[in-house]
Amino acid sequence: GIEASLELAKEVRVAEIEEVNIET
């Protein structure tokens, strides 16, 4: 989950996040 999130952090600004959905 951390690895996936770090990849996404390069594309999305935190201020723009509406929701985060995790499936595991």
PDBML (XML) file of the C-alpha atoms, coordinates in Angstrom:
<?xml version="1.0" encoding="UTF-8" ?>
<PDBx:datablock datablockName="MODEL"
   xmlns:PDBx="http://pdbml.pdb.org/schema/pdbx-v50.xsd"
   xmlns:xsi="http://www.w3.org/2001/XMLSchema-instance"
   xsi:schemaLocation="http://pdbml.pdb.org/schema/pdbx-v50.xsd pdbx-v50.xsd">
   <PDBx:atom_siteCategory>
      <PDBx:atom_site id="1">
         <PDBx:B_iso_or_equiv>0.00</PDBx:B_iso_or_equiv>
         <PDBx:Cartn_x>0.000</PDBx:Cartn_x>
         <PDBx:Cartn_y>0.000</PDBx:Cartn_y>
         <PDBx:Cartn_z>0.000</PDBx:Cartn_z>
         <PDBx:auth_asym_id>A</PDBx:auth_asym_id>
         <PDBx:auth_atom_id>CA</PDBx:auth_atom_id>
         <PDBx:auth_comp_id>GLY</PDBx:auth_comp_id>
         <PDBx:auth_seq_id>1</PDBx:auth_seq_id>
         <PDBx:group_PDB>ATOM</PDBx:group_PDB>
         <PDBx:label_alt_id xsi:nil="true" />
         <PDBx:label_asym_id>A</PDBx:label_asym_id>
         <PDBx:label_atom_id>CA</PDBx:label_atom_id>
         <PDBx:label_comp_id>GLY</PDBx:label_comp_id>
         <PDBx:label_entity_id>1</PDBx:label_entity_id>
         <PDBx:label_seq_id>1</PDBx:label_seq_id>
         <PDBx:occupancy>1.00</PDBx:occupancy>
         <PDBx:pdbx_PDB_model_num>1</PDBx:pdbx_PDB_model_num>
         <PDBx:type_symbol>C</PDBx:type_symbol>
      </PDBx:atom_site>
      <PDBx:atom_site id="2">
         <PDBx:B_iso_or_equiv>0.00</PDBx:B_iso_or_equiv>
         <PDBx:Cartn_x>2.855</PDBx:Cartn_x>
         <PDBx:Cartn_y>2.383</PDBx:Cartn_y>
         <PDBx:Cartn_z>0.760</PDBx:Cartn_z>
         <PDBx:auth_asym_id>A</PDBx:auth_asym_id>
         <PDBx:auth_atom_id>CA</PDBx:auth_atom_id>
         <PDBx:auth_comp_id>ILE</PDBx:auth_comp_id>
         <PDBx:auth_seq_id>2</PDBx:auth_seq_id>
         <PDBx:group_PDB>ATOM</PDBx:group_PDB>
         <PDBx:label_alt_id xsi:nil="true" />
         <PDBx:label_asym_id>A</PDBx:label_asym_id>
         <PDBx:label_atom_id>CA</PDBx:label_atom_id>
         <PDBx:label_comp_id>ILE</PDBx:label_comp_id>
         <PDBx:label_entity_id>1</PDBx:label_entity_id>
         <PDBx:label_seq_id>2</PDBx:label_seq_id>
         <PDBx:occupancy>1.00</PDBx:occupancy>
         <PDBx:pdbx_PDB_model_num>1</PDBx:pdbx_PDB_model_num>
         <PDBx:type_symbol>C</PDBx:type_symbol>
      </PDBx:atom_site>
      <PDBx:atom_site id="3">
         <PDBx:B_iso_or_equiv>0.00</PDBx:B_iso_or_equiv>
         <PDBx:Cartn_x>4.601</PDBx:Cartn_x>
         <PDBx:Cartn_y>1.601</PDBx:Cartn_y>
         <PDBx:Cartn_z>-2.515</PDBx:Cartn_z>
         <PDBx:auth_asym_id>A</PDBx:auth_asym_id>
         <PDBx:auth_atom_id>CA</PDBx:auth_atom_id>
         <PDBx:auth_comp_id>GLU</PDBx:auth_comp_id>
         <PDBx:auth_seq_id>3</PDBx:auth_seq_id>
         <PDBx:group_PDB>ATOM</PDBx:group_PDB>
         <PDBx:label_alt_id xsi:nil="true" />
         <PDBx:label_asym_id>A</PDBx:label_asym_id>
         <PDBx:label_atom_id>CA</PDBx:label_atom_id>
         <PDBx:label_comp_id>GLU</PDBx:label_comp_id>
         <PDBx:label_entity_id>1</PDBx:label_entity_id>
         <PDBx:label_seq_id>3</PDBx:label_seq_id>
         <PDBx:occupancy>1.00</PDBx:occupancy>
         <PDBx:pdbx_PDB_model_num>1</PDBx:pdbx_PDB_model_num>
         <PDBx:type_symbol>C</PDBx:type_symbol>
      </PDBx:atom_site>
      <PDBx:atom_site id="4">
         <PDBx:B_iso_or_equiv>0.00</PDBx:B_iso_or_equiv>
         <PDBx:Cartn_x>1.419</PDBx:Cartn_x>
         <PDBx:Cartn_y>2.178</PDBx:Cartn_y>
         <PDBx:Cartn_z>-4.512</PDBx:Cartn_z>
         <PDBx:auth_asym_id>A</PDBx:auth_asym_id>
         <PDBx:auth_atom_id>CA</PDBx:auth_atom_id>
         <PDBx:auth_comp_id>ALA</PDBx:auth_comp_id>
         <PDBx:auth_seq_id>4</PDBx:auth_seq_id>
         <PDBx:group_PDB>ATOM</PDBx:group_PDB>
         <PDBx:label_alt_id xsi:nil="true" />
         <PDBx:label_asym_id>A</PDBx:label_asym_id>
         <PDBx:label_atom_id>CA</PDBx:label_atom_id>
         <PDBx:label_comp_id>ALA</PDBx:label_comp_id>
         <PDBx:label_entity_id>1</PDBx:label_entity_id>
         <PDBx:label_seq_id>4</PDBx:label_seq_id>
         <PDBx:occupancy>1.00</PDBx:occupancy>
         <PDBx:pdbx_PDB_model_num>1</PDBx:pdbx_PDB_model_num>
         <PDBx:type_symbol>C</PDBx:type_symbol>
      </PDBx:atom_site>
      <PDBx:atom_site id="5">
         <PDBx:B_iso_or_equiv>0.00</PDBx:B_iso_or_equiv>
         <PDBx:Cartn_x>0.720</PDBx:Cartn_x>
         <PDBx:Cartn_y>5.424</PDBx:Cartn_y>
         <PDBx:Cartn_z>-2.637</PDBx:Cartn_z>
         <PDBx:auth_asym_id>A</PDBx:auth_asym_id>
         <PDBx:auth_atom_id>CA</PDBx:auth_atom_id>
         <PDBx:auth_comp_id>SER</PDBx:auth_comp_id>
         <PDBx:auth_seq_id>5</PDBx:auth_seq_id>
         <PDBx:group_PDB>ATOM</PDBx:group_PDB>
         <PDBx:label_alt_id xsi:nil="true" />
         <PDBx:label_asym_id>A</PDBx:label_asym_id>
         <PDBx:label_atom_id>CA</PDBx:label_atom_id>
         <PDBx:label_comp_id>SER</PDBx:label_comp_id>
         <PDBx:label_entity_id>1</PDBx:label_entity_id>
         <PDBx:label_seq_id>5</PDBx:label_seq_id>
         <PDBx:occupancy>1.00</PDBx:occupancy>
         <PDBx:pdbx_PDB_model_num>1</PDBx:pdbx_PDB_model_num>
         <PDBx:type_symbol>C</PDBx:type_symbol>
      </PDBx:atom_site>
      <PDBx:atom_site id="6">
         <PDBx:B_iso_or_equiv>0.00</PDBx:B_iso_or_equiv>
         <PDBx:Cartn_x>4.221</PDBx:Cartn_x>
         <PDBx:Cartn_y>6.768</PDBx:Cartn_y>
         <PDBx:Cartn_z>-3.203</PDBx:Cartn_z>
         <PDBx:auth_asym_id>A</PDBx:auth_asym_id>
         <PDBx:auth_atom_id>CA</PDBx:auth_atom_id>
         <PDBx:auth_comp_id>LEU</PDBx:auth_comp_id>
         <PDBx:auth_seq_id>6</PDBx:auth_seq_id>
         <PDBx:group_PDB>ATOM</PDBx:group_PDB>
         <PDBx:label_alt_id xsi:nil="true" />
         <PDBx:label_asym_id>A</PDBx:label_asym_id>
         <PDBx:label_atom_id>CA</PDBx:label_atom_id>
         <PDBx:label_comp_id>LEU</PDBx:label_comp_id>
         <PDBx:label_entity_id>1</PDBx:label_entity_id>
         <PDBx:label_seq_id>6</PDBx:label_seq_id>
         <PDBx:occupancy>1.00</PDBx:occupancy>
         <PDBx:pdbx_PDB_model_num>1</PDBx:pdbx_PDB_model_num>
         <PDBx:type_symbol>C</PDBx:type_symbol>
      </PDBx:atom_site>
      <PDBx:atom_site id="7">
         <PDBx:B_iso_or_equiv>0.00</PDBx:B_iso_or_equiv>
         <PDBx:Cartn_x>3.791</PDBx:Cartn_x>
         <PDBx:Cartn_y>6.243</PDBx:Cartn_y>
         <PDBx:Cartn_z>-6.933</PDBx:Cartn_z>
         <PDBx:auth_asym_id>A</PDBx:auth_asym_id>
         <PDBx:auth_atom_id>CA</PDBx:auth_atom_id>
         <PDBx:auth_comp_id>GLU</PDBx:auth_comp_id>
         <PDBx:auth_seq_id>7</PDBx:auth_seq_id>
         <PDBx:group_PDB>ATOM</PDBx:group_PDB>
         <PDBx:label_alt_id xsi:nil="true" />
         <PDBx:label_asym_id>A</PDBx:label_asym_id>
         <PDBx:label_atom_id>CA</PDBx:label_atom_id>
         <PDBx:label_comp_id>GLU</PDBx:label_comp_id>
         <PDBx:label_entity_id>1</PDBx:label_entity_id>
         <PDBx:label_seq_id>7</PDBx:label_seq_id>
         <PDBx:occupancy>1.00</PDBx:occupancy>
         <PDBx:pdbx_PDB_model_num>1</PDBx:pdbx_PDB_model_num>
         <PDBx:type_symbol>C</PDBx:type_symbol>
      </PDBx:atom_site>
      <PDBx:atom_site id="8">
         <PDBx:B_iso_or_equiv>0.00</PDBx:B_iso_or_equiv>
         <PDBx:Cartn_x>0.462</PDBx:Cartn_x>
         <PDBx:Cartn_y>8.090</PDBx:Cartn_y>
         <PDBx:Cartn_z>-6.814</PDBx:Cartn_z>
         <PDBx:auth_asym_id>A</PDBx:auth_asym_id>
         <PDBx:auth_atom_id>CA</PDBx:auth_atom_id>
         <PDBx:auth_comp_id>LEU</PDBx:auth_comp_id>
         <PDBx:auth_seq_id>8</PDBx:auth_seq_id>
         <PDBx:group_PDB>ATOM</PDBx:group_PDB>
         <PDBx:label_alt_id xsi:nil="true" />
         <PDBx:label_asym_id>A</PDBx:label_asym_id>
         <PDBx:label_atom_id>CA</PDBx:label_atom_id>
         <PDBx:label_comp_id>LEU</PDBx:label_comp_id>
         <PDBx:label_entity_id>1</PDBx:label_entity_id>
         <PDBx:label_seq_id>8</PDBx:label_seq_id>
         <PDBx:occupancy>1.00</PDBx:occupancy>
         <PDBx:pdbx_PDB_model_num>1</PDBx:pdbx_PDB_model_num>
         <PDBx:type_symbol>C</PDBx:type_symbol>
      </PDBx:atom_site>
      <PDBx:atom_site id="9">
         <PDBx:B_iso_or_equiv>0.00</PDBx:B_iso_or_equiv>
         <PDBx:Cartn_x>1.981</PDBx:Cartn_x>
         <PDBx:Cartn_y>10.928</PDBx:Cartn_y>
         <PDBx:Cartn_z>-4.788</PDBx:Cartn_z>
         <PDBx:auth_asym_id>A</PDBx:auth_asym_id>
         <PDBx:auth_atom_id>CA</PDBx:auth_atom_id>
         <PDBx:auth_comp_id>ALA</PDBx:auth_comp_id>
         <PDBx:auth_seq_id>9</PDBx:auth_seq_id>
         <PDBx:group_PDB>ATOM</PDBx:group_PDB>
         <PDBx:label_alt_id xsi:nil="true" />
         <PDBx:label_asym_id>A</PDBx:label_asym_id>
         <PDBx:label_atom_id>CA</PDBx:label_atom_id>
         <PDBx:label_comp_id>ALA</PDBx:label_comp_id>
         <PDBx:label_entity_id>1</PDBx:label_entity_id>
         <PDBx:label_seq_id>9</PDBx:label_seq_id>
         <PDBx:occupancy>1.00</PDBx:occupancy>
         <PDBx:pdbx_PDB_model_num>1</PDBx:pdbx_PDB_model_num>
         <PDBx:type_symbol>C</PDBx:type_symbol>
      </PDBx:atom_site>
      <PDBx:atom_site id="10">
         <PDBx:B_iso_or_equiv>0.00</PDBx:B_iso_or_equiv>
         <PDBx:Cartn_x>3.996</PDBx:Cartn_x>
         <PDBx:Cartn_y>11.843</PDBx:Cartn_y>
         <PDBx:Cartn_z>-7.876</PDBx:Cartn_z>
         <PDBx:auth_asym_id>A</PDBx:auth_asym_id>
         <PDBx:auth_atom_id>CA</PDBx:auth_atom_id>
         <PDBx:auth_comp_id>LYS</PDBx:auth_comp_id>
         <PDBx:auth_seq_id>10</PDBx:auth_seq_id>
         <PDBx:group_PDB>ATOM</PDBx:group_PDB>
         <PDBx:label_alt_id xsi:nil="true" />
         <PDBx:label_asym_id>A</PDBx:label_asym_id>
         <PDBx:label_atom_id>CA</PDBx:label_atom_id>
         <PDBx:label_comp_id>LYS</PDBx:label_comp_id>
         <PDBx:label_entity_id>1</PDBx:label_entity_id>
         <PDBx:label_seq_id>10</PDBx:label_seq_id>
         <PDBx:occupancy>1.00</PDBx:occupancy>
         <PDBx:pdbx_PDB_model_num>1</PDBx:pdbx_PDB_model_num>
         <PDBx:type_symbol>C</PDBx:type_symbol>
      </PDBx:atom_site>
      <PDBx:atom_site id="11">
         <PDBx:B_iso_or_equiv>0.00</PDBx:B_iso_or_equiv>
         <PDBx:Cartn_x>0.774</PDBx:Cartn_x>
         <PDBx:Cartn_y>12.447</PDBx:Cartn_y>
         <PDBx:Cartn_z>-9.826</PDBx:Cartn_z>
         <PDBx:auth_asym_id>A</PDBx:auth_asym_id>
         <PDBx:auth_atom_id>CA</PDBx:auth_atom_id>
         <PDBx:auth_comp_id>GLU</PDBx:auth_comp_id>
         <PDBx:auth_seq_id>11</PDBx:auth_seq_id>
         <PDBx:group_PDB>ATOM</PDBx:group_PDB>
         <PDBx:label_alt_id xsi:nil="true" />
         <PDBx:label_asym_id>A</PDBx:label_asym_id>
         <PDBx:label_atom_id>CA</PDBx:label_atom_id>
         <PDBx:label_comp_id>GLU</PDBx:label_comp_id>
         <PDBx:label_entity_id>1</PDBx:label_entity_id>
         <PDBx:label_seq_id>11</PDBx:label_seq_id>
         <PDBx:occupancy>1.00</PDBx:occupancy>
         <PDBx:pdbx_PDB_model_num>1</PDBx:pdbx_PDB_model_num>
         <PDBx:type_symbol>C</PDBx:type_symbol>
      </PDBx:atom_site>
      <PDBx:atom_site id="12">
         <PDBx:B_iso_or_equiv>0.00</PDBx:B_iso_or_equiv>
         <PDBx:Cartn_x>-1.751</PDBx:Cartn_x>
         <PDBx:Cartn_y>13.871</PDBx:Cartn_y>
         <PDBx:Cartn_z>-7.357</PDBx:Cartn_z>
         <PDBx:auth_asym_id>A</PDBx:auth_asym_id>
         <PDBx:auth_atom_id>CA</PDBx:auth_atom_id>
         <PDBx:auth_comp_id>VAL</PDBx:auth_comp_id>
         <PDBx:auth_seq_id>12</PDBx:auth_seq_id>
         <PDBx:group_PDB>ATOM</PDBx:group_PDB>
         <PDBx:label_alt_id xsi:nil="true" />
         <PDBx:label_asym_id>A</PDBx:label_asym_id>
         <PDBx:label_atom_id>CA</PDBx:label_atom_id>
         <PDBx:label_comp_id>VAL</PDBx:label_comp_id>
         <PDBx:label_entity_id>1</PDBx:label_entity_id>
         <PDBx:label_seq_id>12</PDBx:label_seq_id>
         <PDBx:occupancy>1.00</PDBx:occupancy>
         <PDBx:pdbx_PDB_model_num>1</PDBx:pdbx_PDB_model_num>
         <PDBx:type_symbol>C</PDBx:type_symbol>
      </PDBx:atom_site>
      <PDBx:atom_site id="13">
         <PDBx:B_iso_or_equiv>0.00</PDBx:B_iso_or_equiv>
         <PDBx:Cartn_x>-1.577</PDBx:Cartn_x>
         <PDBx:Cartn_y>16.869</PDBx:Cartn_y>
         <PDBx:Cartn_z>-5.022</PDBx:Cartn_z>
         <PDBx:auth_asym_id>A</PDBx:auth_asym_id>
         <PDBx:auth_atom_id>CA</PDBx:auth_atom_id>
         <PDBx:auth_comp_id>ARG</PDBx:auth_comp_id>
         <PDBx:auth_seq_id>13</PDBx:auth_seq_id>
         <PDBx:group_PDB>ATOM</PDBx:group_PDB>
         <PDBx:label_alt_id xsi:nil="true" />
         <PDBx:label_asym_id>A</PDBx:label_asym_id>
         <PDBx:label_atom_id>CA</PDBx:label_atom_id>
         <PDBx:label_comp_id>ARG</PDBx:label_comp_id>
         <PDBx:label_entity_id>1</PDBx:label_entity_id>
         <PDBx:label_seq_id>13</PDBx:label_seq_id>
         <PDBx:occupancy>1.00</PDBx:occupancy>
         <PDBx:pdbx_PDB_model_num>1</PDBx:pdbx_PDB_model_num>
         <PDBx:type_symbol>C</PDBx:type_symbol>
      </PDBx:atom_site>
      <PDBx:atom_site id="14">
         <PDBx:B_iso_or_equiv>0.00</PDBx:B_iso_or_equiv>
         <PDBx:Cartn_x>-2.957</PDBx:Cartn_x>
         <PDBx:Cartn_y>16.205</PDBx:Cartn_y>
         <PDBx:Cartn_z>-1.546</PDBx:Cartn_z>
         <PDBx:auth_asym_id>A</PDBx:auth_asym_id>
         <PDBx:auth_atom_id>CA</PDBx:auth_atom_id>
         <PDBx:auth_comp_id>VAL</PDBx:auth_comp_id>
         <PDBx:auth_seq_id>14</PDBx:auth_seq_id>
         <PDBx:group_PDB>ATOM</PDBx:group_PDB>
         <PDBx:label_alt_id xsi:nil="true" />
         <PDBx:label_asym_id>A</PDBx:label_asym_id>
         <PDBx:label_atom_id>CA</PDBx:label_atom_id>
         <PDBx:label_comp_id>VAL</PDBx:label_comp_id>
         <PDBx:label_entity_id>1</PDBx:label_entity_id>
         <PDBx:label_seq_id>14</PDBx:label_seq_id>
         <PDBx:occupancy>1.00</PDBx:occupancy>
         <PDBx:pdbx_PDB_model_num>1</PDBx:pdbx_PDB_model_num>
         <PDBx:type_symbol>C</PDBx:type_symbol>
      </PDBx:atom_site>
      <PDBx:atom_site id="15">
         <PDBx:B_iso_or_equiv>0.00</PDBx:B_iso_or_equiv>
         <PDBx:Cartn_x>-5.190</PDBx:Cartn_x>
         <PDBx:Cartn_y>19.289</PDBx:Cartn_y>
         <PDBx:Cartn_z>-1.736</PDBx:Cartn_z>
         <PDBx:auth_asym_id>A</PDBx:auth_asym_id>
         <PDBx:auth_atom_id>CA</PDBx:auth_atom_id>
         <PDBx:auth_comp_id>ALA</PDBx:auth_comp_id>
         <PDBx:auth_seq_id>15</PDBx:auth_seq_id>
         <PDBx:group_PDB>ATOM</PDBx:group_PDB>
         <PDBx:label_alt_id xsi:nil="true" />
         <PDBx:label_asym_id>A</PDBx:label_asym_id>
         <PDBx:label_atom_id>CA</PDBx:label_atom_id>
         <PDBx:label_comp_id>ALA</PDBx:label_comp_id>
         <PDBx:label_entity_id>1</PDBx:label_entity_id>
         <PDBx:label_seq_id>15</PDBx:label_seq_id>
         <PDBx:occupancy>1.00</PDBx:occupancy>
         <PDBx:pdbx_PDB_model_num>1</PDBx:pdbx_PDB_model_num>
         <PDBx:type_symbol>C</PDBx:type_symbol>
      </PDBx:atom_site>
      <PDBx:atom_site id="16">
         <PDBx:B_iso_or_equiv>0.00</PDBx:B_iso_or_equiv>
         <PDBx:Cartn_x>-6.975</PDBx:Cartn_x>
         <PDBx:Cartn_y>17.727</PDBx:Cartn_y>
         <PDBx:Cartn_z>-4.724</PDBx:Cartn_z>
         <PDBx:auth_asym_id>A</PDBx:auth_asym_id>
         <PDBx:auth_atom_id>CA</PDBx:auth_atom_id>
         <PDBx:auth_comp_id>GLU</PDBx:auth_comp_id>
         <PDBx:auth_seq_id>16</PDBx:auth_seq_id>
         <PDBx:group_PDB>ATOM</PDBx:group_PDB>
         <PDBx:label_alt_id xsi:nil="true" />
         <PDBx:label_asym_id>A</PDBx:label_asym_id>
         <PDBx:label_atom_id>CA</PDBx:label_atom_id>
         <PDBx:label_comp_id>GLU</PDBx:label_comp_id>
         <PDBx:label_entity_id>1</PDBx:label_entity_id>
         <PDBx:label_seq_id>16</PDBx:label_seq_id>
         <PDBx:occupancy>1.00</PDBx:occupancy>
         <PDBx:pdbx_PDB_model_num>1</PDBx:pdbx_PDB_model_num>
         <PDBx:type_symbol>C</PDBx:type_symbol>
      </PDBx:atom_site>
      <PDBx:atom_site id="17">
         <PDBx:B_iso_or_equiv>0.00</PDBx:B_iso_or_equiv>
         <PDBx:Cartn_x>-7.822</PDBx:Cartn_x>
         <PDBx:Cartn_y>14.416</PDBx:Cartn_y>
         <PDBx:Cartn_z>-3.020</PDBx:Cartn_z>
         <PDBx:auth_asym_id>A</PDBx:auth_asym_id>
         <PDBx:auth_atom_id>CA</PDBx:auth_atom_id>
         <PDBx:auth_comp_id>ILE</PDBx:auth_comp_id>
         <PDBx:auth_seq_id>17</PDBx:auth_seq_id>
         <PDBx:group_PDB>ATOM</PDBx:group_PDB>
         <PDBx:label_alt_id xsi:nil="true" />
         <PDBx:label_asym_id>A</PDBx:label_asym_id>
         <PDBx:label_atom_id>CA</PDBx:label_atom_id>
         <PDBx:label_comp_id>ILE</PDBx:label_comp_id>
         <PDBx:label_entity_id>1</PDBx:label_entity_id>
         <PDBx:label_seq_id>17</PDBx:label_seq_id>
         <PDBx:occupancy>1.00</PDBx:occupancy>
         <PDBx:pdbx_PDB_model_num>1</PDBx:pdbx_PDB_model_num>
         <PDBx:type_symbol>C</PDBx:type_symbol>
      </PDBx:atom_site>
      <PDBx:atom_site id="18">
         <PDBx:B_iso_or_equiv>0.00</PDBx:B_iso_or_equiv>
         <PDBx:Cartn_x>-11.528</PDBx:Cartn_x>
         <PDBx:Cartn_y>13.807</PDBx:Cartn_y>
         <PDBx:Cartn_z>-2.468</PDBx:Cartn_z>
         <PDBx:auth_asym_id>A</PDBx:auth_asym_id>
         <PDBx:auth_atom_id>CA</PDBx:auth_atom_id>
         <PDBx:auth_comp_id>GLU</PDBx:auth_comp_id>
         <PDBx:auth_seq_id>18</PDBx:auth_seq_id>
         <PDBx:group_PDB>ATOM</PDBx:group_PDB>
         <PDBx:label_alt_id xsi:nil="true" />
         <PDBx:label_asym_id>A</PDBx:label_asym_id>
         <PDBx:label_atom_id>CA</PDBx:label_atom_id>
         <PDBx:label_comp_id>GLU</PDBx:label_comp_id>
         <PDBx:label_entity_id>1</PDBx:label_entity_id>
         <PDBx:label_seq_id>18</PDBx:label_seq_id>
         <PDBx:occupancy>1.00</PDBx:occupancy>
         <PDBx:pdbx_PDB_model_num>1</PDBx:pdbx_PDB_model_num>
         <PDBx:type_symbol>C</PDBx:type_symbol>
      </PDBx:atom_site>
      <PDBx:atom_site id="19">
         <PDBx:B_iso_or_equiv>0.00</PDBx:B_iso_or_equiv>
         <PDBx:Cartn_x>-11.248</PDBx:Cartn_x>
         <PDBx:Cartn_y>10.185</PDBx:Cartn_y>
         <PDBx:Cartn_z>-1.333</PDBx:Cartn_z>
         <PDBx:auth_asym_id>A</PDBx:auth_asym_id>
         <PDBx:auth_atom_id>CA</PDBx:auth_atom_id>
         <PDBx:auth_comp_id>GLU</PDBx:auth_comp_id>
         <PDBx:auth_seq_id>19</PDBx:auth_seq_id>
         <PDBx:group_PDB>ATOM</PDBx:group_PDB>
         <PDBx:label_alt_id xsi:nil="true" />
         <PDBx:label_asym_id>A</PDBx:label_asym_id>
         <PDBx:label_atom_id>CA</PDBx:label_atom_id>
         <PDBx:label_comp_id>GLU</PDBx:label_comp_id>
         <PDBx:label_entity_id>1</PDBx:label_entity_id>
         <PDBx:label_seq_id>19</PDBx:label_seq_id>
         <PDBx:occupancy>1.00</PDBx:occupancy>
         <PDBx:pdbx_PDB_model_num>1</PDBx:pdbx_PDB_model_num>
         <PDBx:type_symbol>C</PDBx:type_symbol>
      </PDBx:atom_site>
      <PDBx:atom_site id="20">
         <PDBx:B_iso_or_equiv>0.00</PDBx:B_iso_or_equiv>
         <PDBx:Cartn_x>-8.826</PDBx:Cartn_x>
         <PDBx:Cartn_y>7.285</PDBx:Cartn_y>
         <PDBx:Cartn_z>-1.201</PDBx:Cartn_z>
         <PDBx:auth_asym_id>A</PDBx:auth_asym_id>
         <PDBx:auth_atom_id>CA</PDBx:auth_atom_id>
         <PDBx:auth_comp_id>VAL</PDBx:auth_comp_id>
         <PDBx:auth_seq_id>20</PDBx:auth_seq_id>
         <PDBx:group_PDB>ATOM</PDBx:group_PDB>
         <PDBx:label_alt_id xsi:nil="true" />
         <PDBx:label_asym_id>A</PDBx:label_asym_id>
         <PDBx:label_atom_id>CA</PDBx:label_atom_id>
         <PDBx:label_comp_id>VAL</PDBx:label_comp_id>
         <PDBx:label_entity_id>1</PDBx:label_entity_id>
         <PDBx:label_seq_id>20</PDBx:label_seq_id>
         <PDBx:occupancy>1.00</PDBx:occupancy>
         <PDBx:pdbx_PDB_model_num>1</PDBx:pdbx_PDB_model_num>
         <PDBx:type_symbol>C</PDBx:type_symbol>
      </PDBx:atom_site>
      <PDBx:atom_site id="21">
         <PDBx:B_iso_or_equiv>0.00</PDBx:B_iso_or_equiv>
         <PDBx:Cartn_x>-10.142</PDBx:Cartn_x>
         <PDBx:Cartn_y>3.755</PDBx:Cartn_y>
         <PDBx:Cartn_z>-1.718</PDBx:Cartn_z>
         <PDBx:auth_asym_id>A</PDBx:auth_asym_id>
         <PDBx:auth_atom_id>CA</PDBx:auth_atom_id>
         <PDBx:auth_comp_id>ASN</PDBx:auth_comp_id>
         <PDBx:auth_seq_id>21</PDBx:auth_seq_id>
         <PDBx:group_PDB>ATOM</PDBx:group_PDB>
         <PDBx:label_alt_id xsi:nil="true" />
         <PDBx:label_asym_id>A</PDBx:label_asym_id>
         <PDBx:label_atom_id>CA</PDBx:label_atom_id>
         <PDBx:label_comp_id>ASN</PDBx:label_comp_id>
         <PDBx:label_entity_id>1</PDBx:label_entity_id>
         <PDBx:label_seq_id>21</PDBx:label_seq_id>
         <PDBx:occupancy>1.00</PDBx:occupancy>
         <PDBx:pdbx_PDB_model_num>1</PDBx:pdbx_PDB_model_num>
         <PDBx:type_symbol>C</PDBx:type_symbol>
      </PDBx:atom_site>
      <PDBx:atom_site id="22">
         <PDBx:B_iso_or_equiv>0.00</PDBx:B_iso_or_equiv>
         <PDBx:Cartn_x>-7.969</PDBx:Cartn_x>
         <PDBx:Cartn_y>0.803</PDBx:Cartn_y>
         <PDBx:Cartn_z>-0.782</PDBx:Cartn_z>
         <PDBx:auth_asym_id>A</PDBx:auth_asym_id>
         <PDBx:auth_atom_id>CA</PDBx:auth_atom_id>
         <PDBx:auth_comp_id>ILE</PDBx:auth_comp_id>
         <PDBx:auth_seq_id>22</PDBx:auth_seq_id>
         <PDBx:group_PDB>ATOM</PDBx:group_PDB>
         <PDBx:label_alt_id xsi:nil="true" />
         <PDBx:label_asym_id>A</PDBx:label_asym_id>
         <PDBx:label_atom_id>CA</PDBx:label_atom_id>
         <PDBx:label_comp_id>ILE</PDBx:label_comp_id>
         <PDBx:label_entity_id>1</PDBx:label_entity_id>
         <PDBx:label_seq_id>22</PDBx:label_seq_id>
         <PDBx:occupancy>1.00</PDBx:occupancy>
         <PDBx:pdbx_PDB_model_num>1</PDBx:pdbx_PDB_model_num>
         <PDBx:type_symbol>C</PDBx:type_symbol>
      </PDBx:atom_site>
      <PDBx:atom_site id="23">
         <PDBx:B_iso_or_equiv>0.00</PDBx:B_iso_or_equiv>
         <PDBx:Cartn_x>-8.697</PDBx:Cartn_x>
         <PDBx:Cartn_y>-2.801</PDBx:Cartn_y>
         <PDBx:Cartn_z>-1.714</PDBx:Cartn_z>
         <PDBx:auth_asym_id>A</PDBx:auth_asym_id>
         <PDBx:auth_atom_id>CA</PDBx:auth_atom_id>
         <PDBx:auth_comp_id>GLU</PDBx:auth_comp_id>
         <PDBx:auth_seq_id>23</PDBx:auth_seq_id>
         <PDBx:group_PDB>ATOM</PDBx:group_PDB>
         <PDBx:label_alt_id xsi:nil="true" />
         <PDBx:label_asym_id>A</PDBx:label_asym_id>
         <PDBx:label_atom_id>CA</PDBx:label_atom_id>
         <PDBx:label_comp_id>GLU</PDBx:label_comp_id>
         <PDBx:label_entity_id>1</PDBx:label_entity_id>
         <PDBx:label_seq_id>23</PDBx:label_seq_id>
         <PDBx:occupancy>1.00</PDBx:occupancy>
         <PDBx:pdbx_PDB_model_num>1</PDBx:pdbx_PDB_model_num>
         <PDBx:type_symbol>C</PDBx:type_symbol>
      </PDBx:atom_site>
      <PDBx:atom_site id="24">
         <PDBx:B_iso_or_equiv>0.00</PDBx:B_iso_or_equiv>
         <PDBx:Cartn_x>-6.609</PDBx:Cartn_x>
         <PDBx:Cartn_y>-5.540</PDBx:Cartn_y>
         <PDBx:Cartn_z>-0.180</PDBx:Cartn_z>
         <PDBx:auth_asym_id>A</PDBx:auth_asym_id>
         <PDBx:auth_atom_id>CA</PDBx:auth_atom_id>
         <PDBx:auth_comp_id>THR</PDBx:auth_comp_id>
         <PDBx:auth_seq_id>24</PDBx:auth_seq_id>
         <PDBx:group_PDB>ATOM</PDBx:group_PDB>
         <PDBx:label_alt_id xsi:nil="true" />
         <PDBx:label_asym_id>A</PDBx:label_asym_id>
         <PDBx:label_atom_id>CA</PDBx:label_atom_id>
         <PDBx:label_comp_id>THR</PDBx:label_comp_id>
         <PDBx:label_entity_id>1</PDBx:label_entity_id>
         <PDBx:label_seq_id>24</PDBx:label_seq_id>
         <PDBx:occupancy>1.00</PDBx:occupancy>
         <PDBx:pdbx_PDB_model_num>1</PDBx:pdbx_PDB_model_num>
         <PDBx:type_symbol>C</PDBx:type_symbol>
      </PDBx:atom_site>
   </PDBx:atom_siteCategory>
</PDBx:datablock>
